[in-house]
Amino acid sequence: QRFVGTHSDLVNCFDTREVAEPFTDPELRKIVSPMILYCIT
C-alpha cells in the first residue's frame, strides 16, 4: 500500500478489521477473515 498509494490514483482497500464480529477472543477473527472478505466484496 505504501508503494501503490504514491503511484496509482485508483487504489481501493477492503479490510476485515472494519467489520464487527461476535468473537470475544481477537485470535478467532483471523480464522473467519476470508469469509468476511467474501461477504463484503
PDB file of all heavy atoms in Angstrom:
ATOM      1  N   GLN A   1       0.823  -1.213   0.000  1.00  0.00           N
ATOM      2  CA  GLN A   1       0.000   0.000   0.000  1.00  0.00           C
ATOM      3  C   GLN A   1       0.857   1.262   0.000  1.00  0.00           C
ATOM      4  O   GLN A   1       0.506   2.249  -0.664  1.00  0.00           O
ATOM      5  CB  GLN A   1      -0.950   0.011   1.193  1.00  0.00           C
ATOM      6  CG  GLN A   1      -1.911   1.196   1.155  1.00  0.00           C
ATOM      7  CD  GLN A   1      -3.017   1.099   2.181  1.00  0.00           C
ATOM      8  OE1 GLN A   1      -2.912   0.363   3.155  1.00  0.00           O
ATOM      9  NE2 GLN A   1      -4.088   1.851   1.973  1.00  0.00           N
ATOM     10  N   ARG A   2       1.966   1.246   0.712  1.00  0.00           N
ATOM     11  CA  ARG A   2       2.837   2.419   0.723  1.00  0.00           C
ATOM     12  C   ARG A   2       3.330   2.743  -0.681  1.00  0.00           C
ATOM     13  O   ARG A   2       3.440   3.914  -1.068  1.00  0.00           O
ATOM     14  CB  ARG A   2       4.022   2.185   1.670  1.00  0.00           C
ATOM     15  CG  ARG A   2       3.674   2.304   3.141  1.00  0.00           C
ATOM     16  CD  ARG A   2       4.921   2.388   4.002  1.00  0.00           C
ATOM     17  NE  ARG A   2       5.747   1.197   3.918  1.00  0.00           N
ATOM     18  CZ  ARG A   2       5.624   0.137   4.717  1.00  0.00           C
ATOM     19  NH1 ARG A   2       4.661   0.116   5.651  1.00  0.00           N
ATOM     20  NH2 ARG A   2       6.418  -0.903   4.581  1.00  0.00           N
ATOM     21  N   PHE A   3       3.608   1.703  -1.450  1.00  0.00           N
ATOM     22  CA  PHE A   3       4.100   1.943  -2.811  1.00  0.00           C
ATOM     23  C   PHE A   3       2.971   2.378  -3.749  1.00  0.00           C
ATOM     24  O   PHE A   3       3.076   3.418  -4.413  1.00  0.00           O
ATOM     25  CB  PHE A   3       4.780   0.687  -3.369  1.00  0.00           C
ATOM     26  CG  PHE A   3       5.234   0.861  -4.789  1.00  0.00           C
ATOM     27  CD1 PHE A   3       6.443   1.464  -5.077  1.00  0.00           C
ATOM     28  CD2 PHE A   3       4.431   0.444  -5.852  1.00  0.00           C
ATOM     29  CE1 PHE A   3       6.860   1.651  -6.389  1.00  0.00           C
ATOM     30  CE2 PHE A   3       4.834   0.627  -7.167  1.00  0.00           C
ATOM     31  CZ  PHE A   3       6.049   1.234  -7.432  1.00  0.00           C
ATOM     32  N   VAL A   4       1.919   1.595  -3.816  1.00  0.00           N
ATOM     33  CA  VAL A   4       0.869   1.908  -4.804  1.00  0.00           C
ATOM     34  C   VAL A   4       0.152   3.203  -4.465  1.00  0.00           C
ATOM     35  O   VAL A   4      -0.374   3.884  -5.353  1.00  0.00           O
ATOM     36  CB  VAL A   4      -0.135   0.747  -4.948  1.00  0.00           C
ATOM     37  CG1 VAL A   4       0.576  -0.519  -5.414  1.00  0.00           C
ATOM     38  CG2 VAL A   4      -0.922   0.492  -3.660  1.00  0.00           C
ATOM     39  N   GLY A   5       0.131   3.562  -3.175  1.00  0.00           N
ATOM     40  CA  GLY A   5      -0.528   4.794  -2.782  1.00  0.00           C
ATOM     41  C   GLY A   5       0.111   6.036  -3.366  1.00  0.00           C
ATOM     42  O   GLY A   5      -0.532   7.089  -3.463  1.00  0.00           O
ATOM     43  N   THR A   6       1.381   5.939  -3.753  1.00  0.00           N
ATOM     44  CA  THR A   6       2.074   7.087  -4.349  1.00  0.00           C
ATOM     45  C   THR A   6       2.244   6.954  -5.861  1.00  0.00           C
ATOM     46  O   THR A   6       2.756   7.864  -6.507  1.00  0.00           O
ATOM     47  CB  THR A   6       3.469   7.264  -3.715  1.00  0.00           C
ATOM     48  OG1 THR A   6       4.241   6.072  -3.934  1.00  0.00           O
ATOM     49  CG2 THR A   6       3.352   7.524  -2.226  1.00  0.00           C
ATOM     50  N   HIS A   7       1.797   5.812  -6.438  1.00  0.00           N
ATOM     51  CA  HIS A   7       1.996   5.595  -7.869  1.00  0.00           C
ATOM     52  C   HIS A   7       0.713   5.313  -8.636  1.00  0.00           C
ATOM     53  O   HIS A   7       0.736   5.210  -9.861  1.00  0.00           O
ATOM     54  CB  HIS A   7       2.983   4.442  -8.099  1.00  0.00           C
ATOM     55  CG  HIS A   7       4.380   4.773  -7.680  1.00  0.00           C
ATOM     56  ND1 HIS A   7       4.814   4.670  -6.370  1.00  0.00           N
ATOM     57  CD2 HIS A   7       5.445   5.239  -8.393  1.00  0.00           C
ATOM     58  CE1 HIS A   7       6.089   5.042  -6.303  1.00  0.00           C
ATOM     59  NE2 HIS A   7       6.489   5.393  -7.501  1.00  0.00           N
ATOM     60  N   SER A   8      -0.407   5.194  -7.943  1.00  0.00           N
ATOM     61  CA  SER A   8      -1.692   4.972  -8.614  1.00  0.00           C
ATOM     62  C   SER A   8      -2.768   5.813  -7.945  1.00  0.00           C
ATOM     63  O   SER A   8      -2.758   5.998  -6.717  1.00  0.00           O
ATOM     64  CB  SER A   8      -2.096   3.496  -8.560  1.00  0.00           C
ATOM     65  OG  SER A   8      -3.433   3.335  -9.005  1.00  0.00           O
ATOM     66  N   ASP A   9      -3.694   6.298  -8.756  1.00  0.00           N
ATOM     67  CA  ASP A   9      -4.830   7.070  -8.233  1.00  0.00           C
ATOM     68  C   ASP A   9      -6.084   6.214  -8.082  1.00  0.00           C
ATOM     69  O   ASP A   9      -7.143   6.726  -7.734  1.00  0.00           O
ATOM     70  CB  ASP A   9      -5.146   8.241  -9.178  1.00  0.00           C
ATOM     71  CG  ASP A   9      -4.006   9.244  -9.252  1.00  0.00           C
ATOM     72  OD1 ASP A   9      -3.312   9.408  -8.227  1.00  0.00           O
ATOM     73  OD2 ASP A   9      -3.817   9.848 -10.325  1.00  0.00           O
ATOM     74  N   LEU A  10      -5.961   4.896  -8.328  1.00  0.00           N
ATOM     75  CA  LEU A  10      -7.132   4.011  -8.268  1.00  0.00           C
ATOM     76  C   LEU A  10      -6.884   2.857  -7.305  1.00  0.00           C
ATOM     77  O   LEU A  10      -6.958   1.687  -7.686  1.00  0.00           O
ATOM     78  CB  LEU A  10      -7.448   3.459  -9.659  1.00  0.00           C
ATOM     79  CG  LEU A  10      -8.272   4.348 -10.597  1.00  0.00           C
ATOM     80  CD1 LEU A  10      -8.453   3.662 -11.948  1.00  0.00           C
ATOM     81  CD2 LEU A  10      -9.636   4.651  -9.994  1.00  0.00           C
ATOM     82  N   VAL A  11      -6.581   3.184  -6.057  1.00  0.00           N
ATOM     83  CA  VAL A  11      -6.328   2.166  -5.038  1.00  0.00           C
ATOM     84  C   VAL A  11      -7.531   2.085  -4.110  1.00  0.00           C
ATOM     85  O   VAL A  11      -7.971   3.098  -3.553  1.00  0.00           O
ATOM     86  CB  VAL A  11      -5.061   2.490  -4.218  1.00  0.00           C
ATOM     87  CG1 VAL A  11      -4.828   1.429  -3.150  1.00  0.00           C
ATOM     88  CG2 VAL A  11      -3.858   2.599  -5.142  1.00  0.00           C
ATOM     89  N   ASN A  12      -8.068   0.879  -3.947  1.00  0.00           N
ATOM     90  CA  ASN A  12      -9.200   0.645  -3.039  1.00  0.00           C
ATOM     91  C   ASN A  12      -8.861  -0.491  -2.086  1.00  0.00           C
ATOM     92  O   ASN A  12      -8.253  -1.493  -2.488  1.00  0.00           O
ATOM     93  CB  ASN A  12     -10.461   0.292  -3.830  1.00  0.00           C
ATOM     94  CG  ASN A  12     -11.042   1.496  -4.562  1.00  0.00           C
ATOM     95  OD1 ASN A  12     -11.709   2.321  -3.976  1.00  0.00           O
ATOM     96  ND2 ASN A  12     -10.763   1.580  -5.868  1.00  0.00           N
ATOM     97  N   CYS A  13      -9.262  -0.343  -0.833  1.00  0.00           N
ATOM     98  CA  CYS A  13      -8.947  -1.331   0.194  1.00  0.00           C
ATOM     99  C   CYS A  13     -10.222  -1.956   0.769  1.00  0.00           C
ATOM    100  O   CYS A  13     -11.209  -1.258   1.025  1.00  0.00           O
ATOM    101  CB  CYS A  13      -8.161  -0.695   1.340  1.00  0.00           C
ATOM    102  SG  CYS A  13      -6.554  -0.032   0.879  1.00  0.00           S
ATOM    103  N   PHE A  14     -10.150  -3.256   0.985  1.00  0.00           N
ATOM    104  CA  PHE A  14     -11.139  -3.961   1.783  1.00  0.00           C
ATOM    105  C   PHE A  14     -10.404  -4.515   2.998  1.00  0.00           C
ATOM    106  O   PHE A  14      -9.464  -5.302   2.847  1.00  0.00           O
ATOM    107  CB  PHE A  14     -11.780  -5.105   0.994  1.00  0.00           C
ATOM    108  CG  PHE A  14     -12.745  -4.665  -0.067  1.00  0.00           C
ATOM    109  CD1 PHE A  14     -12.307  -4.459  -1.370  1.00  0.00           C
ATOM    110  CD2 PHE A  14     -14.076  -4.455   0.240  1.00  0.00           C
ATOM    111  CE1 PHE A  14     -13.191  -4.059  -2.354  1.00  0.00           C
ATOM    112  CE2 PHE A  14     -14.971  -4.053  -0.734  1.00  0.00           C
ATOM    113  CZ  PHE A  14     -14.536  -3.848  -2.034  1.00  0.00           C
ATOM    114  N   ASP A  15     -10.816  -4.117   4.180  1.00  0.00           N
ATOM    115  CA  ASP A  15     -10.120  -4.502   5.400  1.00  0.00           C
ATOM    116  C   ASP A  15     -11.114  -5.139   6.364  1.00  0.00           C
ATOM    117  O   ASP A  15     -12.060  -4.487   6.821  1.00  0.00           O
ATOM    118  CB  ASP A  15      -9.474  -3.273   6.041  1.00  0.00           C
ATOM    119  CG  ASP A  15      -8.523  -3.621   7.176  1.00  0.00           C
ATOM    120  OD1 ASP A  15      -8.601  -4.758   7.709  1.00  0.00           O
ATOM    121  OD2 ASP A  15      -7.712  -2.760   7.555  1.00  0.00           O
ATOM    122  N   THR A  16     -10.889  -6.415   6.704  1.00  0.00           N
ATOM    123  CA  THR A  16     -11.829  -7.105   7.593  1.00  0.00           C
ATOM    124  C   THR A  16     -11.801  -6.540   9.011  1.00  0.00           C
ATOM    125  O   THR A  16     -12.721  -6.791   9.784  1.00  0.00           O
ATOM    126  CB  THR A  16     -11.534  -8.618   7.627  1.00  0.00           C
ATOM    127  OG1 THR A  16     -10.226  -8.849   8.175  1.00  0.00           O
ATOM    128  CG2 THR A  16     -11.605  -9.208   6.230  1.00  0.00           C
ATOM    129  N   ARG A  17     -10.778  -5.778   9.371  1.00  0.00           N
ATOM    130  CA  ARG A  17     -10.746  -5.163  10.704  1.00  0.00           C
ATOM    131  C   ARG A  17     -11.880  -4.163  10.912  1.00  0.00           C
ATOM    132  O   ARG A  17     -12.233  -3.845  12.051  1.00  0.00           O
ATOM    133  CB  ARG A  17      -9.405  -4.438  10.920  1.00  0.00           C
ATOM    134  CG  ARG A  17      -8.302  -5.319  11.446  1.00  0.00           C
ATOM    135  CD  ARG A  17      -7.095  -4.467  11.808  1.00  0.00           C
ATOM    136  NE  ARG A  17      -6.007  -5.283  12.330  1.00  0.00           N
ATOM    137  CZ  ARG A  17      -4.805  -4.833  12.619  1.00  0.00           C
ATOM    138  NH1 ARG A  17      -4.514  -3.548  12.414  1.00  0.00           N
ATOM    139  NH2 ARG A  17      -3.863  -5.635  13.097  1.00  0.00           N
ATOM    140  N   GLU A  18     -12.453  -3.680   9.824  1.00  0.00           N
ATOM    141  CA  GLU A  18     -13.540  -2.708   9.924  1.00  0.00           C
ATOM    142  C   GLU A  18     -14.865  -3.353  10.304  1.00  0.00           C
ATOM    143  O   GLU A  18     -15.834  -2.652  10.602  1.00  0.00           O
ATOM    144  CB  GLU A  18     -13.703  -1.977   8.586  1.00  0.00           C
ATOM    145  CG  GLU A  18     -12.503  -1.148   8.162  1.00  0.00           C
ATOM    146  CD  GLU A  18     -12.761  -0.448   6.843  1.00  0.00           C
ATOM    147  OE1 GLU A  18     -13.891   0.032   6.635  1.00  0.00           O
ATOM    148  OE2 GLU A  18     -11.832  -0.379   6.019  1.00  0.00           O
ATOM    149  N   VAL A  19     -14.924  -4.671  10.283  1.00  0.00           N
ATOM    150  CA  VAL A  19     -16.183  -5.390  10.462  1.00  0.00           C
ATOM    151  C   VAL A  19     -16.316  -5.902  11.897  1.00  0.00           C
ATOM    152  O   VAL A  19     -15.402  -6.544  12.425  1.00  0.00           O
ATOM    153  CB  VAL A  19     -16.272  -6.570   9.472  1.00  0.00           C
ATOM    154  CG1 VAL A  19     -17.519  -7.414   9.726  1.00  0.00           C
ATOM    155  CG2 VAL A  19     -16.252  -6.053   8.035  1.00  0.00           C
ATOM    156  N   ALA A  20     -17.457  -5.642  12.523  1.00  0.00           N
ATOM    157  CA  ALA A  20     -17.742  -6.190  13.854  1.00  0.00           C
ATOM    158  C   ALA A  20     -18.045  -7.681  13.738  1.00  0.00           C
ATOM    159  O   ALA A  20     -18.687  -8.119  12.779  1.00  0.00           O
ATOM    160  CB  ALA A  20     -18.927  -5.459  14.481  1.00  0.00           C
ATOM    161  N   GLU A  21     -17.586  -8.447  14.725  1.00  0.00           N
ATOM    162  CA  GLU A  21     -17.796  -9.895  14.733  1.00  0.00           C
ATOM    163  C   GLU A  21     -18.181 -10.337  16.139  1.00  0.00           C
ATOM    164  O   GLU A  21     -17.965  -9.603  17.114  1.00  0.00           O
ATOM    165  CB  GLU A  21     -16.532 -10.617  14.260  1.00  0.00           C
ATOM    166  CG  GLU A  21     -16.152 -10.297  12.822  1.00  0.00           C
ATOM    167  CD  GLU A  21     -14.818 -10.908  12.414  1.00  0.00           C
ATOM    168  OE1 GLU A  21     -14.307 -11.776  13.150  1.00  0.00           O
ATOM    169  OE2 GLU A  21     -14.284 -10.507  11.360  1.00  0.00           O
ATOM    170  N   PRO A  22     -18.728 -11.553  16.292  1.00  0.00           N
ATOM    171  CA  PRO A  22     -19.241 -11.977  17.596  1.00  0.00           C
ATOM    172  C   PRO A  22     -18.194 -12.543  18.544  1.00  0.00           C
ATOM    173  O   PRO A  22     -18.543 -13.013  19.631  1.00  0.00           O
ATOM    174  CB  PRO A  22     -20.259 -13.064  17.226  1.00  0.00           C
ATOM    175  CG  PRO A  22     -19.701 -13.665  15.975  1.00  0.00           C
ATOM    176  CD  PRO A  22     -19.083 -12.501  15.233  1.00  0.00           C
ATOM    177  N   PHE A  23     -16.912 -12.471  18.186  1.00  0.00           N
ATOM    178  CA  PHE A  23     -15.898 -13.177  18.960  1.00  0.00           C
ATOM    179  C   PHE A  23     -15.326 -12.330  20.094  1.00  0.00           C
ATOM    180  O   PHE A  23     -14.983 -11.164  19.901  1.00  0.00           O
ATOM    181  CB  PHE A  23     -14.773 -13.649  18.032  1.00  0.00           C
ATOM    182  CG  PHE A  23     -15.276 -14.453  16.876  1.00  0.00           C
ATOM    183  CD1 PHE A  23     -15.252 -13.936  15.593  1.00  0.00           C
ATOM    184  CD2 PHE A  23     -15.806 -15.720  17.079  1.00  0.00           C
ATOM    185  CE1 PHE A  23     -15.731 -14.658  14.521  1.00  0.00           C
ATOM    186  CE2 PHE A  23     -16.294 -16.456  16.025  1.00  0.00           C
ATOM    187  CZ  PHE A  23     -16.265 -15.924  14.739  1.00  0.00           C
ATOM    188  N   THR A  24     -15.208 -12.934  21.262  1.00  0.00           N
ATOM    189  CA  THR A  24     -14.601 -12.259  22.406  1.00  0.00           C
ATOM    190  C   THR A  24     -13.084 -12.377  22.383  1.00  0.00           C
ATOM    191  O   THR A  24     -12.397 -11.607  23.055  1.00  0.00           O
ATOM    192  CB  THR A  24     -15.134 -12.852  23.722  1.00  0.00           C
ATOM    193  OG1 THR A  24     -14.932 -14.282  23.717  1.00  0.00           O
ATOM    194  CG2 THR A  24     -16.630 -12.563  23.880  1.00  0.00           C
ATOM    195  N   ASP A  25     -12.565 -13.329  21.646  1.00  0.00           N
ATOM    196  CA  ASP A  25     -11.122 -13.529  21.520  1.00  0.00           C
ATOM    197  C   ASP A  25     -10.681 -13.051  20.139  1.00  0.00           C
ATOM    198  O   ASP A  25     -11.092 -13.611  19.116  1.00  0.00           O
ATOM    199  CB  ASP A  25     -10.785 -15.010  21.685  1.00  0.00           C
ATOM    200  CG  ASP A  25      -9.293 -15.267  21.775  1.00  0.00           C
ATOM    201  OD1 ASP A  25      -8.525 -14.497  21.155  1.00  0.00           O
ATOM    202  OD2 ASP A  25      -8.889 -16.229  22.453  1.00  0.00           O
ATOM    203  N   PRO A  26      -9.843 -12.023  20.067  1.00  0.00           N
ATOM    204  CA  PRO A  26      -9.444 -11.482  18.760  1.00  0.00           C
ATOM    205  C   PRO A  26      -8.707 -12.484  17.873  1.00  0.00           C
ATOM    206  O   PRO A  26      -8.687 -12.339  16.659  1.00  0.00           O
ATOM    207  CB  PRO A  26      -8.554 -10.287  19.113  1.00  0.00           C
ATOM    208  CG  PRO A  26      -8.124 -10.512  20.522  1.00  0.00           C
ATOM    209  CD  PRO A  26      -9.248 -11.256  21.178  1.00  0.00           C
ATOM    210  N   GLU A  27      -8.105 -13.509  18.483  1.00  0.00           N
ATOM    211  CA  GLU A  27      -7.399 -14.510  17.679  1.00  0.00           C
ATOM    212  C   GLU A  27      -8.346 -15.241  16.732  1.00  0.00           C
ATOM    213  O   GLU A  27      -7.934 -15.732  15.674  1.00  0.00           O
ATOM    214  CB  GLU A  27      -6.714 -15.533  18.586  1.00  0.00           C
ATOM    215  CG  GLU A  27      -5.540 -14.989  19.382  1.00  0.00           C
ATOM    216  CD  GLU A  27      -4.900 -16.065  20.245  1.00  0.00           C
ATOM    217  OE1 GLU A  27      -5.116 -17.269  19.956  1.00  0.00           O
ATOM    218  OE2 GLU A  27      -4.200 -15.709  21.208  1.00  0.00           O
ATOM    219  N   LEU A  28      -9.617 -15.316  17.087  1.00  0.00           N
ATOM    220  CA  LEU A  28     -10.578 -16.057  16.280  1.00  0.00           C
ATOM    221  C   LEU A  28     -10.965 -15.301  15.016  1.00  0.00           C
ATOM    222  O   LEU A  28     -11.476 -15.902  14.070  1.00  0.00           O
ATOM    223  CB  LEU A  28     -11.815 -16.389  17.114  1.00  0.00           C
ATOM    224  CG  LEU A  28     -11.544 -17.191  18.396  1.00  0.00           C
ATOM    225  CD1 LEU A  28     -12.834 -17.452  19.156  1.00  0.00           C
ATOM    226  CD2 LEU A  28     -10.833 -18.506  18.074  1.00  0.00           C
ATOM    227  N   ARG A  29     -10.699 -14.007  14.992  1.00  0.00           N
ATOM    228  CA  ARG A  29     -11.039 -13.212  13.811  1.00  0.00           C
ATOM    229  C   ARG A  29     -10.185 -13.615  12.606  1.00  0.00           C
ATOM    230  O   ARG A  29     -10.635 -13.532  11.466  1.00  0.00           O
ATOM    231  CB  ARG A  29     -10.871 -11.727  14.105  1.00  0.00           C
ATOM    232  CG  ARG A  29     -11.875 -11.182  15.122  1.00  0.00           C
ATOM    233  CD  ARG A  29     -11.614  -9.697  15.388  1.00  0.00           C
ATOM    234  NE  ARG A  29     -11.711  -8.922  14.167  1.00  0.00           N
ATOM    235  CZ  ARG A  29     -12.786  -8.212  13.793  1.00  0.00           C
ATOM    236  NH1 ARG A  29     -13.860  -8.194  14.555  1.00  0.00           N
ATOM    237  NH2 ARG A  29     -12.778  -7.529  12.665  1.00  0.00           N
ATOM    238  N   LYS A  30      -8.955 -14.023  12.867  1.00  0.00           N
ATOM    239  CA  LYS A  30      -8.080 -14.474  11.782  1.00  0.00           C
ATOM    240  C   LYS A  30      -8.737 -15.600  11.003  1.00  0.00           C
ATOM    241  O   LYS A  30      -8.698 -15.613   9.757  1.00  0.00           O
ATOM    242  CB  LYS A  30      -6.745 -14.949  12.361  1.00  0.00           C
ATOM    243  CG  LYS A  30      -5.891 -15.774  11.399  1.00  0.00           C
ATOM    244  CD  LYS A  30      -4.640 -16.316  12.092  1.00  0.00           C
ATOM    245  CE  LYS A  30      -3.898 -17.321  11.225  1.00  0.00           C
ATOM    246  NZ  LYS A  30      -2.646 -17.811  11.843  1.00  0.00           N
ATOM    247  N   ILE A  31      -9.368 -16.524  11.706  1.00  0.00           N
ATOM    248  CA  ILE A  31      -9.927 -17.710  11.070  1.00  0.00           C
ATOM    249  C   ILE A  31     -11.009 -17.332  10.071  1.00  0.00           C
ATOM    250  O   ILE A  31     -11.050 -17.840   8.950  1.00  0.00           O
ATOM    251  CB  ILE A  31     -10.493 -18.672  12.132  1.00  0.00           C
ATOM    252  CG1 ILE A  31      -9.377 -19.122  13.085  1.00  0.00           C
ATOM    253  CG2 ILE A  31     -11.166 -19.879  11.466  1.00  0.00           C
ATOM    254  CD1 ILE A  31      -9.882 -19.849  14.315  1.00  0.00           C
ATOM    255  N   VAL A  32     -11.906 -16.429  10.459  1.00  0.00           N
ATOM    256  CA  VAL A  32     -13.069 -16.134   9.618  1.00  0.00           C
ATOM    257  C   VAL A  32     -12.811 -15.040   8.592  1.00  0.00           C
ATOM    258  O   VAL A  32     -13.692 -14.733   7.781  1.00  0.00           O
ATOM    259  CB  VAL A  32     -14.298 -15.755  10.474  1.00  0.00           C
ATOM    260  CG1 VAL A  32     -14.646 -16.866  11.449  1.00  0.00           C
ATOM    261  CG2 VAL A  32     -14.081 -14.443  11.207  1.00  0.00           C
ATOM    262  N   SER A  33     -11.617 -14.451   8.582  1.00  0.00           N
ATOM    263  CA  SER A  33     -11.359 -13.304   7.709  1.00  0.00           C
ATOM    264  C   SER A  33     -11.646 -13.572   6.228  1.00  0.00           C
ATOM    265  O   SER A  33     -12.171 -12.684   5.539  1.00  0.00           O
ATOM    266  CB  SER A  33      -9.930 -12.791   7.904  1.00  0.00           C
ATOM    267  OG  SER A  33      -8.972 -13.797   7.628  1.00  0.00           O
ATOM    268  N   PRO A  34     -11.351 -14.755   5.681  1.00  0.00           N
ATOM    269  CA  PRO A  34     -11.676 -14.934   4.257  1.00  0.00           C
ATOM    270  C   PRO A  34     -13.176 -14.902   3.983  1.00  0.00           C
ATOM    271  O   PRO A  34     -13.608 -14.385   2.943  1.00  0.00           O
ATOM    272  CB  PRO A  34     -11.071 -16.303   3.919  1.00  0.00           C
ATOM    273  CG  PRO A  34     -10.886 -16.990   5.220  1.00  0.00           C
ATOM    274  CD  PRO A  34     -10.617 -15.914   6.214  1.00  0.00           C
ATOM    275  N   MET A  35     -13.977 -15.432   4.891  1.00  0.00           N
ATOM    276  CA  MET A  35     -15.425 -15.377   4.691  1.00  0.00           C
ATOM    277  C   MET A  35     -15.940 -13.950   4.807  1.00  0.00           C
ATOM    278  O   MET A  35     -16.824 -13.530   4.051  1.00  0.00           O
ATOM    279  CB  MET A  35     -16.154 -16.262   5.693  1.00  0.00           C
ATOM    280  CG  MET A  35     -17.655 -16.328   5.441  1.00  0.00           C
ATOM    281  SD  MET A  35     -18.534 -17.372   6.605  1.00  0.00           S
ATOM    282  CE  MET A  35     -18.423 -16.395   8.094  1.00  0.00           C
ATOM    283  N   ILE A  36     -15.388 -13.180   5.737  1.00  0.00           N
ATOM    284  CA  ILE A  36     -15.789 -11.778   5.884  1.00  0.00           C
ATOM    285  C   ILE A  36     -15.453 -11.009   4.615  1.00  0.00           C
ATOM    286  O   ILE A  36     -16.255 -10.210   4.108  1.00  0.00           O
ATOM    287  CB  ILE A  36     -15.081 -11.140   7.097  1.00  0.00           C
ATOM    288  CG1 ILE A  36     -15.474 -11.861   8.397  1.00  0.00           C
ATOM    289  CG2 ILE A  36     -15.403  -9.651   7.180  1.00  0.00           C
ATOM    290  CD1 ILE A  36     -16.946 -11.781   8.740  1.00  0.00           C
ATOM    291  N   LEU A  37     -14.273 -11.254   4.071  1.00  0.00           N
ATOM    292  CA  LEU A  37     -13.862 -10.567   2.850  1.00  0.00           C
ATOM    293  C   LEU A  37     -14.801 -10.913   1.701  1.00  0.00           C
ATOM    294  O   LEU A  37     -15.243 -10.034   0.956  1.00  0.00           O
ATOM    295  CB  LEU A  37     -12.413 -10.951   2.521  1.00  0.00           C
ATOM    296  CG  LEU A  37     -11.643 -10.140   1.484  1.00  0.00           C
ATOM    297  CD1 LEU A  37     -12.068 -10.462   0.059  1.00  0.00           C
ATOM    298  CD2 LEU A  37     -11.771  -8.634   1.743  1.00  0.00           C
ATOM    299  N   TYR A  38     -15.126 -12.195   1.562  1.00  0.00           N
ATOM    300  CA  TYR A  38     -16.052 -12.598   0.505  1.00  0.00           C
ATOM    301  C   TYR A  38     -17.416 -11.949   0.708  1.00  0.00           C
ATOM    302  O   TYR A  38     -18.039 -11.485  -0.250  1.00  0.00           O
ATOM    303  CB  TYR A  38     -16.217 -14.120   0.486  1.00  0.00           C
ATOM    304  CG  TYR A  38     -17.215 -14.587  -0.548  1.00  0.00           C
ATOM    305  CD1 TYR A  38     -16.818 -14.861  -1.850  1.00  0.00           C
ATOM    306  CD2 TYR A  38     -18.570 -14.721  -0.226  1.00  0.00           C
ATOM    307  CE1 TYR A  38     -17.737 -15.264  -2.808  1.00  0.00           C
ATOM    308  CE2 TYR A  38     -19.497 -15.112  -1.178  1.00  0.00           C
ATOM    309  CZ  TYR A  38     -19.074 -15.390  -2.456  1.00  0.00           C
ATOM    310  OH  TYR A  38     -19.992 -15.780  -3.396  1.00  0.00           O
ATOM    311  N   CYS A  39     -17.867 -11.904   1.943  1.00  0.00           N
ATOM    312  CA  CYS A  39     -19.177 -11.334   2.269  1.00  0.00           C
ATOM    313  C   CYS A  39     -19.280  -9.888   1.800  1.00  0.00           C
ATOM    314  O   CYS A  39     -20.303  -9.485   1.219  1.00  0.00           O
ATOM    315  CB  CYS A  39     -19.394 -11.441   3.784  1.00  0.00           C
ATOM    316  SG  CYS A  39     -20.776 -10.491   4.436  1.00  0.00           S
ATOM    317  N   ILE A  40     -18.244  -9.099   2.014  1.00  0.00           N
ATOM    318  CA  ILE A  40     -18.342  -7.677   1.670  1.00  0.00           C
ATOM    319  C   ILE A  40     -18.048  -7.425   0.187  1.00  0.00           C
ATOM    320  O   ILE A  40     -18.653  -6.540  -0.425  1.00  0.00           O
ATOM    321  CB  ILE A  40     -17.454  -6.802   2.579  1.00  0.00           C
ATOM    322  CG1 ILE A  40     -15.992  -7.230   2.549  1.00  0.00           C
ATOM    323  CG2 ILE A  40     -17.991  -6.825   4.005  1.00  0.00           C
ATOM    324  CD1 ILE A  40     -15.080  -6.429   3.472  1.00  0.00           C
ATOM    325  N   THR A  41     -17.160  -8.207  -0.422  1.00  0.00           N
ATOM    326  CA  THR A  41     -16.892  -7.995  -1.843  1.00  0.00           C
ATOM    327  C   THR A  41     -18.054  -8.470  -2.708  1.00  0.00           C
ATOM    328  O   THR A  41     -18.172  -8.053  -3.873  1.00  0.00           O
ATOM    329  CB  THR A  41     -15.596  -8.682  -2.293  1.00  0.00           C
ATOM    330  OG1 THR A  41     -15.632 -10.067  -1.934  1.00  0.00           O
ATOM    331  CG2 THR A  41     -14.386  -8.016  -1.657  1.00  0.00           C
TER     332      THR A  41
END
